[in-house]
Protein backbone atom coordinates (compact mmCIF):
# COMPACT_ATOMS: atom_id res chain seq x y z
CA MET A 1 0.00 0.00 0.00
CA VAL A 2 1.34 3.37 -1.04
CA PRO A 3 -0.17 6.70 -0.03
CA THR A 4 -0.99 9.13 -2.81
CA ASP A 5 -2.54 12.57 -2.99
CA LYS A 6 -6.29 12.98 -3.56
CA GLU A 7 -5.97 14.48 -7.06
CA SER A 8 -3.79 11.65 -8.36
CA PHE A 9 -6.00 9.04 -6.73
CA ASP A 10 -9.18 10.46 -8.30
CA THR A 11 -7.72 10.69 -11.80
CA LEU A 12 -6.08 7.27 -11.62
CA GLN A 13 -9.34 5.80 -10.30
CA LYS A 14 -11.17 7.12 -13.37
CA LEU A 15 -8.44 5.73 -15.60
CA GLN A 16 -8.64 2.38 -13.84
CA ASP A 17 -12.43 2.24 -14.26
CA TYR A 18 -12.04 2.81 -18.00
CA LEU A 19 -9.34 0.15 -18.31
CA VAL A 20 -11.35 -2.45 -16.38
CA THR A 21 -14.34 -2.08 -18.68
CA ARG A 22 -12.64 -1.45 -22.03
CA THR A 23 -9.58 -3.71 -22.11
CA PRO A 24 -9.53 -7.50 -22.18
CA GLN A 25 -8.70 -9.02 -18.80
CA PRO A 26 -6.29 -11.97 -18.52
CA CYS A 27 -8.15 -15.30 -18.69
CA GLY A 28 -11.44 -13.40 -18.65
CA LEU A 29 -10.99 -12.42 -15.00
CA ASN A 30 -12.73 -9.30 -13.76
CA SER A 31 -10.76 -7.41 -11.12
CA LYS A 32 -13.90 -5.72 -9.77
CA SER A 33 -15.73 -9.00 -9.16
CA PHE A 34 -12.55 -10.46 -7.63
CA ARG A 35 -12.54 -7.66 -5.04
CA MET A 36 -16.29 -7.84 -4.38
CA PRO A 37 -17.14 -8.77 -0.77
CA LYS A 38 -18.08 -12.45 -0.46
CA THR A 39 -20.10 -14.49 2.02
CA ALA A 40 -18.54 -17.25 4.15
CA GLU A 41 -19.54 -19.75 1.43
CA GLY A 42 -17.61 -17.75 -1.17
CA ARG A 43 -20.63 -16.36 -3.03
CA PRO A 44 -20.53 -12.68 -3.92
CA THR A 45 -22.77 -10.36 -1.94
CA ARG A 46 -24.84 -7.69 -3.65
CA GLN A 47 -22.61 -4.94 -2.34
CA ASN A 48 -20.29 -3.17 -4.72
CA ALA A 49 -16.60 -3.37 -4.01
CA PRO A 50 -15.28 -0.21 -2.35
CA ASN A 51 -13.26 2.09 -4.60
CA LEU A 52 -10.53 2.67 -2.05
CA PHE A 53 -7.60 1.05 -3.83
CA LEU A 54 -5.80 1.40 -7.12
CA ASP A 55 -4.86 -1.82 -8.89
CA GLY A 56 -1.31 -1.48 -10.16
CA ASP A 57 -1.67 -4.38 -12.60
CA THR A 58 -4.73 -2.80 -14.19
CA LEU A 59 -3.06 0.61 -14.41
CA ALA A 60 0.08 -0.94 -15.94
CA VAL A 61 -2.08 -2.05 -18.89
CA PHE A 62 -2.33 1.61 -19.90
CA GLU A 63 1.25 1.60 -21.19
CA GLN A 64 0.62 -1.57 -23.22
CA VAL A 65 -2.54 -0.56 -25.09
CA PRO A 66 -2.31 1.12 -28.51
CA TRP A 67 -1.70 4.85 -28.74
CA ARG A 68 -5.28 5.73 -29.73
CA GLU A 69 -6.67 3.65 -26.87
CA GLN A 70 -4.33 5.52 -24.49
CA HIS A 71 -5.76 8.83 -25.69
CA ALA A 72 -9.33 7.57 -25.24
CA ALA A 73 -8.59 6.23 -21.74
CA ALA A 74 -6.86 9.45 -20.68
CA ALA A 75 -9.71 11.56 -22.08
CA SER A 76 -12.22 9.53 -20.05
CA ALA A 77 -10.28 10.51 -16.91
CA GLY A 78 -10.15 14.16 -17.99
CA LEU A 79 -6.44 14.03 -18.84
CA THR A 80 -4.16 14.10 -21.81
CA ARG A 81 -2.07 11.03 -22.56
CA ASP A 82 1.07 12.74 -21.25
CA GLU A 83 -0.64 13.74 -17.99
CA ALA A 84 -1.84 10.18 -17.44
CA LEU A 85 1.67 8.84 -18.02
CA LEU A 86 3.02 11.44 -15.59
CA HIS A 87 0.59 10.28 -12.87
CA LEU A 88 1.60 6.67 -13.48
CA ARG A 89 5.31 7.52 -13.33
CA ARG A 90 4.84 9.36 -10.03
CA LEU A 91 3.07 6.32 -8.62
CA LEU A 92 5.89 4.10 -9.89
CA GLU A 93 8.49 6.34 -8.25
CA ARG A 94 6.71 6.00 -4.90
CA THR A 95 6.82 2.22 -5.11
CA ALA A 96 10.35 1.88 -6.51
CA PHE A 97 12.01 1.08 -3.19
CA LEU A 98 9.31 -1.05 -1.57
């Protein structure tokens, strides 16, 4: 867990939401349903998963998608492509020595 400022968190959360819904997930897994609260039997509850965390694996996909898709994802978060990459690099710098 790495602390981040509110502005970066909000913009990266919007970027993450776009990437979860618009990019193919490995093996068809859905990161949102994986994080959904479950009952003792393992069945998902009807509650939505809290949006309190950023998924680094999902955000790392941003650098791997095609250039046009990067622009569309950044625009959905209210950023330019360069601003989105800057936010991701700042997050990477904070986790470099963990």
